[in-house]
Amino acid sequence: MPKTREELFECLDSLGISHPTKEHAPVFTVAESVSLRDEIAGGHTKNLFLKDKKGAYFLVTLEENAEVNLKTIHTLIGASGRVSFGKPEALMEKLGVAPGSVTIFCAINDPQHEVTIVIDAPLLDHDVVNAHPLRNDATTSIGREDLLRFLSHTGHEPLILKVST
C-alpha cells in the first residue's frame, strides 16, 4: 500500500526535517502551478517518470522550467537505449501515485529501489526545493540537504547530473 501524505510527514518529522506545506487547488501541470510562485519561495520542480527499453524505471526531477532532450537523456542517466514515459499503471505500481502527483517524495513508496532517482544538478542551486507531498493539492518546501538526507533514508542515492538543456 502506498504511503500517505501523513506518513510522509511522519517520516520527515522522525528525521528532524522541517517541511512547511501550503495547501492549494490541485495542479496537474507546471503551467497551472505558476500562480503559486509568489506565495512559495525556492526551486519548484517538475518530474518525469521514464522507462527504458529493458524495463528500468527512472524518476527525473528538474526545475520547473528546465527542458530535457528525451532523445538523448538515456546517455546521461545510464538507461538502456532511448526512454519513454512510464505508463500510469507502472507509476502507481512503482511509486504509488497517479499522473499529476509525481514527486521526488515518491521515493518513500519504492522500498525495493526499483526506480533510479535522478536530480538535475541546477535544481540543487536552490536552498529550498518545493515538491508535491504525494498529492497535487499541496506543495511542501524542504531544504536541499534535507531532501538528500530524506532520499538516503529511503535507500535512494540519487544521480545528480546536469540533464537539462
N, C-alpha and C. Protein backbone atom coordinates (compact mmCIF):
# COMPACT_ATOMS: atom_id res chain seq x y z
N MET A 1 0.85 -1.19 0.00
CA MET A 1 0.00 0.00 0.00
C MET A 1 0.89 1.25 0.00
N PRO A 2 0.65 2.17 -0.91
CA PRO A 2 1.48 3.39 -0.94
C PRO A 2 1.32 4.21 0.34
N LYS A 3 2.37 4.92 0.67
CA LYS A 3 2.35 5.80 1.84
C LYS A 3 1.43 6.99 1.57
N THR A 4 0.84 7.48 2.65
CA THR A 4 0.00 8.66 2.56
C THR A 4 0.85 9.90 2.80
N ARG A 5 0.26 11.04 2.55
CA ARG A 5 0.94 12.29 2.83
C ARG A 5 1.28 12.38 4.32
N GLU A 6 0.37 11.94 5.16
CA GLU A 6 0.62 11.97 6.60
C GLU A 6 1.81 11.09 6.98
N GLU A 7 1.92 9.92 6.36
CA GLU A 7 3.05 9.04 6.63
C GLU A 7 4.36 9.65 6.14
N LEU A 8 4.32 10.36 5.01
CA LEU A 8 5.49 11.08 4.53
C LEU A 8 5.92 12.11 5.57
N PHE A 9 4.96 12.88 6.08
CA PHE A 9 5.28 13.91 7.06
C PHE A 9 5.82 13.28 8.35
N GLU A 10 5.28 12.14 8.76
CA GLU A 10 5.79 11.44 9.94
C GLU A 10 7.25 11.04 9.73
N CYS A 11 7.56 10.58 8.53
CA CYS A 11 8.94 10.21 8.19
C CYS A 11 9.85 11.43 8.29
N LEU A 12 9.43 12.52 7.68
CA LEU A 12 10.24 13.74 7.72
C LEU A 12 10.41 14.22 9.17
N ASP A 13 9.34 14.17 9.96
CA ASP A 13 9.41 14.56 11.36
C ASP A 13 10.42 13.68 12.12
N SER A 14 10.38 12.38 11.86
CA SER A 14 11.30 11.46 12.56
C SER A 14 12.76 11.74 12.21
N LEU A 15 12.98 12.34 11.05
CA LEU A 15 14.34 12.70 10.64
C LEU A 15 14.71 14.12 11.07
N GLY A 16 13.77 14.80 11.73
CA GLY A 16 14.02 16.17 12.17
C GLY A 16 14.05 17.16 11.02
N ILE A 17 13.30 16.86 9.96
CA ILE A 17 13.30 17.70 8.76
C ILE A 17 12.06 18.59 8.75
N SER A 18 12.30 19.89 8.65
CA SER A 18 11.22 20.86 8.52
C SER A 18 10.58 20.72 7.15
N HIS A 19 9.24 20.81 7.10
CA HIS A 19 8.54 20.61 5.83
C HIS A 19 7.27 21.47 5.75
N PRO A 20 7.43 22.80 5.78
CA PRO A 20 6.22 23.62 5.64
C PRO A 20 5.49 23.26 4.35
N THR A 21 4.18 23.21 4.46
CA THR A 21 3.35 22.77 3.34
C THR A 21 2.21 23.75 3.13
N LYS A 22 2.02 24.12 1.88
CA LYS A 22 0.93 25.05 1.51
C LYS A 22 -0.13 24.26 0.75
N GLU A 23 -1.34 24.29 1.27
CA GLU A 23 -2.47 23.66 0.60
C GLU A 23 -2.91 24.56 -0.57
N HIS A 24 -3.37 23.96 -1.65
CA HIS A 24 -3.87 24.72 -2.79
C HIS A 24 -4.76 23.82 -3.64
N ALA A 25 -5.42 24.40 -4.61
CA ALA A 25 -6.24 23.59 -5.52
C ALA A 25 -5.32 22.62 -6.26
N PRO A 26 -5.81 21.46 -6.64
CA PRO A 26 -4.98 20.51 -7.38
C PRO A 26 -4.40 21.13 -8.65
N VAL A 27 -3.11 20.87 -8.89
CA VAL A 27 -2.46 21.32 -10.11
C VAL A 27 -1.85 20.11 -10.80
N PHE A 28 -2.02 20.06 -12.11
CA PHE A 28 -1.57 18.90 -12.87
C PHE A 28 -0.38 19.20 -13.76
N THR A 29 -0.11 20.48 -13.98
CA THR A 29 0.99 20.87 -14.85
C THR A 29 1.75 22.03 -14.24
N VAL A 30 2.96 22.26 -14.73
CA VAL A 30 3.74 23.41 -14.29
C VAL A 30 2.98 24.70 -14.57
N ALA A 31 2.34 24.78 -15.74
CA ALA A 31 1.61 26.00 -16.11
C ALA A 31 0.52 26.31 -15.09
N GLU A 32 -0.17 25.28 -14.59
CA GLU A 32 -1.23 25.50 -13.62
C GLU A 32 -0.69 25.97 -12.27
N SER A 33 0.56 25.67 -11.98
CA SER A 33 1.11 25.99 -10.66
C SER A 33 1.83 27.33 -10.60
N VAL A 34 1.94 28.02 -11.72
CA VAL A 34 2.69 29.28 -11.76
C VAL A 34 2.15 30.30 -10.78
N SER A 35 0.87 30.32 -10.54
CA SER A 35 0.28 31.31 -9.64
C SER A 35 0.78 31.17 -8.21
N LEU A 36 1.37 30.03 -7.87
CA LEU A 36 1.85 29.80 -6.51
C LEU A 36 3.25 30.37 -6.27
N ARG A 37 3.93 30.78 -7.32
CA ARG A 37 5.32 31.20 -7.18
C ARG A 37 5.53 32.35 -6.20
N ASP A 38 4.60 33.32 -6.19
CA ASP A 38 4.75 34.45 -5.28
C ASP A 38 4.52 34.04 -3.83
N GLU A 39 3.82 32.94 -3.62
CA GLU A 39 3.49 32.50 -2.27
C GLU A 39 4.51 31.51 -1.70
N ILE A 40 5.26 30.83 -2.55
CA ILE A 40 6.16 29.77 -2.10
C ILE A 40 7.54 30.02 -2.71
N ALA A 41 8.49 30.38 -1.86
CA ALA A 41 9.85 30.65 -2.33
C ALA A 41 10.62 29.35 -2.58
N GLY A 42 11.68 29.44 -3.39
CA GLY A 42 12.55 28.29 -3.63
C GLY A 42 12.40 27.74 -5.03
N GLY A 43 13.10 26.65 -5.28
CA GLY A 43 13.06 25.99 -6.58
C GLY A 43 11.84 25.10 -6.68
N HIS A 44 11.09 25.27 -7.73
CA HIS A 44 9.89 24.46 -7.96
C HIS A 44 10.22 23.37 -8.97
N THR A 45 9.63 22.21 -8.77
CA THR A 45 10.04 21.03 -9.53
C THR A 45 9.00 20.59 -10.55
N LYS A 46 9.52 19.86 -11.54
CA LYS A 46 8.68 19.03 -12.40
C LYS A 46 9.38 17.68 -12.44
N ASN A 47 8.62 16.65 -12.72
CA ASN A 47 9.14 15.29 -12.63
C ASN A 47 8.76 14.49 -13.85
N LEU A 48 9.70 13.68 -14.30
CA LEU A 48 9.48 12.81 -15.45
C LEU A 48 9.65 11.37 -14.99
N PHE A 49 8.63 10.55 -15.20
CA PHE A 49 8.71 9.13 -14.89
C PHE A 49 8.99 8.42 -16.21
N LEU A 50 10.19 7.88 -16.33
CA LEU A 50 10.67 7.33 -17.59
C LEU A 50 10.98 5.85 -17.47
N LYS A 51 10.91 5.17 -18.61
CA LYS A 51 11.22 3.73 -18.70
C LYS A 51 12.12 3.52 -19.90
N ASP A 52 13.13 2.65 -19.73
CA ASP A 52 13.98 2.35 -20.88
C ASP A 52 13.53 1.06 -21.55
N LYS A 53 14.25 0.69 -22.61
CA LYS A 53 13.85 -0.47 -23.42
C LYS A 53 13.93 -1.79 -22.68
N LYS A 54 14.76 -1.86 -21.63
CA LYS A 54 14.88 -3.10 -20.86
C LYS A 54 13.98 -3.13 -19.63
N GLY A 55 13.14 -2.10 -19.47
CA GLY A 55 12.19 -2.10 -18.37
C GLY A 55 12.68 -1.43 -17.10
N ALA A 56 13.81 -0.73 -17.15
CA ALA A 56 14.29 0.01 -15.98
C ALA A 56 13.53 1.34 -15.91
N TYR A 57 13.24 1.76 -14.69
CA TYR A 57 12.49 3.00 -14.48
C TYR A 57 13.36 4.07 -13.85
N PHE A 58 13.05 5.32 -14.19
CA PHE A 58 13.79 6.49 -13.72
C PHE A 58 12.80 7.57 -13.33
N LEU A 59 13.06 8.24 -12.22
CA LEU A 59 12.32 9.44 -11.85
C LEU A 59 13.30 10.60 -11.95
N VAL A 60 13.06 11.49 -12.91
CA VAL A 60 13.94 12.63 -13.15
C VAL A 60 13.25 13.87 -12.59
N THR A 61 13.91 14.53 -11.65
CA THR A 61 13.37 15.73 -11.03
C THR A 61 14.21 16.93 -11.47
N LEU A 62 13.51 17.94 -12.00
CA LEU A 62 14.16 19.13 -12.55
C LEU A 62 13.48 20.38 -12.04
N GLU A 63 14.14 21.51 -12.26
CA GLU A 63 13.49 22.78 -12.01
C GLU A 63 12.34 22.92 -13.00
N GLU A 64 11.26 23.56 -12.57
CA GLU A 64 10.03 23.56 -13.35
C GLU A 64 10.17 24.04 -14.79
N ASN A 65 11.07 24.96 -15.07
CA ASN A 65 11.21 25.48 -16.44
C ASN A 65 12.34 24.82 -17.23
N ALA A 66 13.00 23.85 -16.64
CA ALA A 66 14.10 23.18 -17.33
C ALA A 66 13.56 22.34 -18.49
N GLU A 67 14.37 22.23 -19.52
CA GLU A 67 14.00 21.41 -20.67
C GLU A 67 14.96 20.24 -20.78
N VAL A 68 14.45 19.13 -21.28
CA VAL A 68 15.22 17.90 -21.40
C VAL A 68 15.07 17.38 -22.82
N ASN A 69 16.15 16.87 -23.36
CA ASN A 69 16.09 16.22 -24.66
C ASN A 69 15.83 14.73 -24.42
N LEU A 70 14.59 14.31 -24.62
CA LEU A 70 14.23 12.92 -24.36
C LEU A 70 14.91 11.94 -25.32
N LYS A 71 15.42 12.44 -26.44
CA LYS A 71 16.11 11.56 -27.39
C LYS A 71 17.52 11.23 -26.95
N THR A 72 18.09 12.05 -26.04
CA THR A 72 19.48 11.81 -25.62
C THR A 72 19.66 11.62 -24.13
N ILE A 73 18.64 11.84 -23.33
CA ILE A 73 18.81 11.76 -21.88
C ILE A 73 19.29 10.37 -21.44
N HIS A 74 18.93 9.34 -22.20
CA HIS A 74 19.35 7.98 -21.82
C HIS A 74 20.86 7.85 -21.72
N THR A 75 21.59 8.62 -22.51
CA THR A 75 23.06 8.54 -22.47
C THR A 75 23.61 9.13 -21.18
N LEU A 76 22.85 10.00 -20.54
CA LEU A 76 23.29 10.64 -19.30
C LEU A 76 22.91 9.84 -18.06
N ILE A 77 21.75 9.20 -18.07
CA ILE A 77 21.23 8.57 -16.86
C ILE A 77 21.51 7.06 -16.78
N GLY A 78 22.17 6.52 -17.78
CA GLY A 78 22.52 5.10 -17.75
C GLY A 78 21.41 4.18 -18.19
N ALA A 79 20.48 4.69 -18.95
CA ALA A 79 19.38 3.86 -19.45
C ALA A 79 19.87 3.00 -20.62
N SER A 80 19.16 1.90 -20.84
CA SER A 80 19.44 1.01 -21.97
C SER A 80 18.62 1.49 -23.16
N GLY A 81 19.23 2.29 -23.98
CA GLY A 81 18.53 2.82 -25.14
C GLY A 81 17.61 3.96 -24.76
N ARG A 82 16.92 4.44 -25.76
CA ARG A 82 16.03 5.59 -25.55
C ARG A 82 14.96 5.28 -24.51
N VAL A 83 14.48 6.36 -23.89
CA VAL A 83 13.45 6.23 -22.86
C VAL A 83 12.12 6.75 -23.38
N SER A 84 11.07 6.29 -22.73
CA SER A 84 9.72 6.80 -22.99
C SER A 84 9.07 7.04 -21.64
N PHE A 85 7.94 7.71 -21.65
CA PHE A 85 7.24 7.94 -20.40
C PHE A 85 6.64 6.63 -19.90
N GLY A 86 6.79 6.41 -18.59
CA GLY A 86 6.20 5.22 -17.99
C GLY A 86 4.69 5.33 -17.99
N LYS A 87 4.02 4.22 -18.10
CA LYS A 87 2.56 4.18 -18.12
C LYS A 87 2.00 4.49 -16.73
N PRO A 88 0.77 5.06 -16.67
CA PRO A 88 0.16 5.38 -15.38
C PRO A 88 0.08 4.18 -14.43
N GLU A 89 -0.17 2.98 -14.98
CA GLU A 89 -0.26 1.79 -14.13
C GLU A 89 1.10 1.49 -13.48
N ALA A 90 2.17 1.65 -14.25
CA ALA A 90 3.52 1.43 -13.71
C ALA A 90 3.87 2.50 -12.67
N LEU A 91 3.44 3.72 -12.92
CA LEU A 91 3.68 4.80 -11.97
C LEU A 91 3.03 4.48 -10.63
N MET A 92 1.81 4.02 -10.66
CA MET A 92 1.12 3.65 -9.42
C MET A 92 1.79 2.45 -8.76
N GLU A 93 2.17 1.47 -9.57
CA GLU A 93 2.79 0.26 -9.03
C GLU A 93 4.16 0.56 -8.41
N LYS A 94 4.97 1.34 -9.09
CA LYS A 94 6.35 1.58 -8.65
C LYS A 94 6.48 2.69 -7.62
N LEU A 95 5.67 3.78 -7.78
CA LEU A 95 5.86 4.95 -6.94
C LEU A 95 4.61 5.35 -6.15
N GLY A 96 3.50 4.64 -6.35
CA GLY A 96 2.33 4.85 -5.52
C GLY A 96 1.57 6.14 -5.72
N VAL A 97 1.69 6.74 -6.91
CA VAL A 97 0.95 7.97 -7.19
C VAL A 97 0.35 7.91 -8.59
N ALA A 98 -0.62 8.79 -8.81
CA ALA A 98 -1.26 8.92 -10.12
C ALA A 98 -0.56 10.03 -10.90
N PRO A 99 -0.71 10.05 -12.22
CA PRO A 99 -0.17 11.16 -13.01
C PRO A 99 -0.66 12.50 -12.45
N GLY A 100 0.21 13.48 -12.47
CA GLY A 100 -0.12 14.78 -11.91
C GLY A 100 0.37 14.95 -10.48
N SER A 101 0.67 13.84 -9.82
CA SER A 101 1.16 13.89 -8.44
C SER A 101 2.58 13.36 -8.31
N VAL A 102 3.26 13.15 -9.42
CA VAL A 102 4.62 12.62 -9.39
C VAL A 102 5.52 13.63 -8.68
N THR A 103 6.36 13.13 -7.79
CA THR A 103 7.18 13.97 -6.95
C THR A 103 8.41 13.19 -6.48
N ILE A 104 9.45 13.90 -6.16
CA ILE A 104 10.65 13.24 -5.64
C ILE A 104 10.36 12.54 -4.31
N PHE A 105 9.33 12.99 -3.60
CA PHE A 105 8.96 12.32 -2.35
C PHE A 105 8.44 10.91 -2.58
N CYS A 106 8.14 10.54 -3.84
CA CYS A 106 7.69 9.18 -4.16
C CYS A 106 8.74 8.13 -3.80
N ALA A 107 9.96 8.55 -3.58
CA ALA A 107 11.00 7.59 -3.18
C ALA A 107 10.56 6.78 -1.96
N ILE A 108 9.72 7.37 -1.12
CA ILE A 108 9.24 6.68 0.08
C ILE A 108 8.39 5.47 -0.29
N ASN A 109 7.83 5.45 -1.50
CA ASN A 109 6.98 4.36 -1.96
C ASN A 109 7.73 3.34 -2.81
N ASP A 110 9.04 3.40 -2.81
CA ASP A 110 9.86 2.47 -3.61
C ASP A 110 10.86 1.74 -2.70
N PRO A 111 10.36 0.94 -1.76
CA PRO A 111 11.27 0.27 -0.83
C PRO A 111 12.16 -0.78 -1.50
N GLN A 112 11.77 -1.24 -2.68
CA GLN A 112 12.58 -2.22 -3.40
C GLN A 112 13.64 -1.56 -4.29
N HIS A 113 13.65 -0.23 -4.31
CA HIS A 113 14.61 0.56 -5.10
C HIS A 113 14.58 0.16 -6.57
N GLU A 114 13.36 0.07 -7.09
CA GLU A 114 13.17 -0.30 -8.50
C GLU A 114 13.26 0.90 -9.44
N VAL A 115 13.27 2.10 -8.87
CA VAL A 115 13.30 3.32 -9.67
C VAL A 115 14.58 4.08 -9.33
N THR A 116 15.33 4.46 -10.35
CA THR A 116 16.52 5.27 -10.16
C THR A 116 16.09 6.73 -10.08
N ILE A 117 16.51 7.40 -9.02
CA ILE A 117 16.18 8.81 -8.83
C ILE A 117 17.30 9.64 -9.45
N VAL A 118 16.91 10.56 -10.32
CA VAL A 118 17.86 11.46 -10.98
C VAL A 118 17.45 12.89 -10.65
N ILE A 119 18.39 13.68 -10.14
CA ILE A 119 18.13 15.09 -9.87
C ILE A 119 18.98 15.91 -10.83
N ASP A 120 18.33 16.81 -11.55
CA ASP A 120 19.06 17.74 -12.41
C ASP A 120 19.85 18.68 -11.51
N ALA A 121 21.16 18.70 -11.67
CA ALA A 121 22.05 19.44 -10.77
C ALA A 121 21.65 20.90 -10.54
N PRO A 122 21.22 21.65 -11.56
CA PRO A 122 20.86 23.05 -11.30
C PRO A 122 19.73 23.23 -10.28
N LEU A 123 18.88 22.23 -10.11
CA LEU A 123 17.81 22.33 -9.10
C LEU A 123 18.41 22.53 -7.72
N LEU A 124 19.55 21.89 -7.49
CA LEU A 124 20.17 21.96 -6.16
C LEU A 124 20.93 23.26 -5.93
N ASP A 125 20.87 24.19 -6.87
CA ASP A 125 21.39 25.54 -6.63
C ASP A 125 20.47 26.29 -5.67
N HIS A 126 19.25 25.82 -5.52
CA HIS A 126 18.28 26.43 -4.61
C HIS A 126 18.48 25.87 -3.20
N ASP A 127 18.41 26.74 -2.20
CA ASP A 127 18.48 26.29 -0.81
C ASP A 127 17.25 25.49 -0.42
N VAL A 128 16.11 25.84 -1.03
CA VAL A 128 14.84 25.19 -0.74
C VAL A 128 14.27 24.62 -2.03
N VAL A 129 13.81 23.37 -1.96
CA VAL A 129 13.19 22.69 -3.09
C VAL A 129 11.73 22.43 -2.74
N ASN A 130 10.84 22.68 -3.68
CA ASN A 130 9.40 22.51 -3.47
C ASN A 130 8.87 21.36 -4.32
N ALA A 131 8.06 20.52 -3.70
CA ALA A 131 7.50 19.37 -4.41
C ALA A 131 6.16 19.00 -3.79
N HIS A 132 5.34 18.29 -4.56
CA HIS A 132 4.07 17.80 -4.03
C HIS A 132 4.34 16.73 -2.98
N PRO A 133 3.56 16.75 -1.89
CA PRO A 133 3.69 15.71 -0.86
C PRO A 133 2.81 14.49 -1.18
N LEU A 134 3.11 13.84 -2.31
CA LEU A 134 2.44 12.64 -2.78
C LEU A 134 1.04 12.89 -3.35
N ARG A 135 0.57 14.12 -3.28
CA ARG A 135 -0.69 14.54 -3.89
C ARG A 135 -0.48 15.92 -4.47
N ASN A 136 -1.23 16.26 -5.50
CA ASN A 136 -1.01 17.52 -6.19
C ASN A 136 -1.87 18.68 -5.68
N ASP A 137 -2.39 18.54 -4.45
CA ASP A 137 -3.19 19.61 -3.87
C ASP A 137 -2.46 20.34 -2.74
N ALA A 138 -1.14 20.22 -2.75
CA ALA A 138 -0.31 20.92 -1.77
C ALA A 138 1.11 20.95 -2.30
N THR A 139 1.91 21.87 -1.74
CA THR A 139 3.33 21.95 -2.07
C THR A 139 4.12 21.99 -0.76
N THR A 140 5.10 21.12 -0.66
CA THR A 140 5.95 21.04 0.52
C THR A 140 7.31 21.59 0.19
N SER A 141 7.83 22.42 1.08
CA SER A 141 9.16 23.01 0.93
C SER A 141 10.12 22.26 1.85
N ILE A 142 11.30 21.93 1.30
CA ILE A 142 12.29 21.18 2.06
C ILE A 142 13.67 21.71 1.70
N GLY A 143 14.54 21.80 2.68
CA GLY A 143 15.90 22.24 2.41
C GLY A 143 16.63 21.26 1.50
N ARG A 144 17.52 21.79 0.70
CA ARG A 144 18.28 20.97 -0.25
C ARG A 144 18.98 19.80 0.45
N GLU A 145 19.71 20.07 1.52
CA GLU A 145 20.43 19.00 2.22
C GLU A 145 19.46 18.01 2.87
N ASP A 146 18.33 18.55 3.38
CA ASP A 146 17.32 17.67 3.97
C ASP A 146 16.70 16.75 2.93
N LEU A 147 16.52 17.24 1.72
CA LEU A 147 16.00 16.40 0.65
C LEU A 147 16.95 15.23 0.40
N LEU A 148 18.23 15.52 0.33
CA LEU A 148 19.21 14.46 0.08
C LEU A 148 19.24 13.47 1.25
N ARG A 149 19.07 13.98 2.46
CA ARG A 149 19.04 13.10 3.64
C ARG A 149 17.80 12.22 3.62
N PHE A 150 16.66 12.79 3.22
CA PHE A 150 15.44 12.01 3.09
C PHE A 150 15.63 10.88 2.07
N LEU A 151 16.19 11.22 0.92
CA LEU A 151 16.40 10.20 -0.12
C LEU A 151 17.33 9.10 0.39
N SER A 152 18.37 9.48 1.08
CA SER A 152 19.28 8.49 1.65
C SER A 152 18.54 7.58 2.64
N HIS A 153 17.67 8.17 3.44
CA HIS A 153 16.88 7.40 4.40
C HIS A 153 16.01 6.36 3.69
N THR A 154 15.51 6.69 2.50
CA THR A 154 14.67 5.75 1.75
C THR A 154 15.52 4.70 1.02
N GLY A 155 16.84 4.84 1.10
CA GLY A 155 17.73 3.91 0.40
C GLY A 155 18.04 4.31 -1.02
N HIS A 156 17.69 5.53 -1.39
CA HIS A 156 17.96 6.02 -2.74
C HIS A 156 19.12 7.01 -2.70
N GLU A 157 20.18 6.69 -3.39
CA GLU A 157 21.28 7.64 -3.58
C GLU A 157 21.09 8.20 -4.98
N PRO A 158 20.59 9.41 -5.09
CA PRO A 158 20.23 9.93 -6.41
C PRO A 158 21.44 10.18 -7.29
N LEU A 159 21.22 10.04 -8.58
CA LEU A 159 22.20 10.50 -9.55
C LEU A 159 21.98 12.01 -9.66
N ILE A 160 23.02 12.79 -9.39
CA ILE A 160 22.91 14.24 -9.51
C ILE A 160 23.72 14.62 -10.73
N LEU A 161 23.00 14.95 -11.79
CA LEU A 161 23.62 15.20 -13.10
C LEU A 161 22.97 16.41 -13.76
N LYS A 162 23.67 17.03 -14.65
CA LYS A 162 23.04 18.07 -15.47
C LYS A 162 22.39 17.37 -16.66
N VAL A 163 21.08 17.20 -16.57
CA VAL A 163 20.33 16.55 -17.66
C VAL A 163 19.53 17.55 -18.46
N SER A 164 19.38 18.76 -17.94
CA SER A 164 18.61 19.77 -18.66
C SER A 164 19.48 20.39 -19.77
N THR A 165 18.79 20.93 -20.76
CA THR A 165 19.50 21.53 -21.90
C THR A 165 19.54 23.04 -21.77
